């Protein structure tokens, strides 16, 4: 293995980073804002005129995070993940592009690299605390 192939990640993933209780952050007073952030996305075709027989599904998905957990754990874990793989954090992790290796996701030199990428991303999701609502 040559020097270029031995590139180390900039940040090691640490499951302890996901634990919000590991911080000493104290809230002095109750905020007038919600304690939660909700992200919404859709999958499938919302058209009722021309339904795709190969994918006749439309799904709305809602990811609900406690803002403190999201800001203190999720954001930093995802930023570290993006810095390690792309050198910046401006990449949008879009499932279709990742799966089909489109655009910036054509970085994988082997199936092992892609599986490693997917496993790291899965680990972040697995150790994240959120509610998933779909309909």
Foldseek 3Di string as FASTA:
>chain_A
DDPVVPDDQPDDDDLVQLDLVVDPDDDPDDDPDDQKDKDKDKDADPDPPDADPVTNDIKIKIKIDRVSSCVRRLVVLQQSLCCRQPVGNPDDPDPVCCVVCPDPSVPDPDVVSSVVSVVSVVVSVVSHDIDMDMD
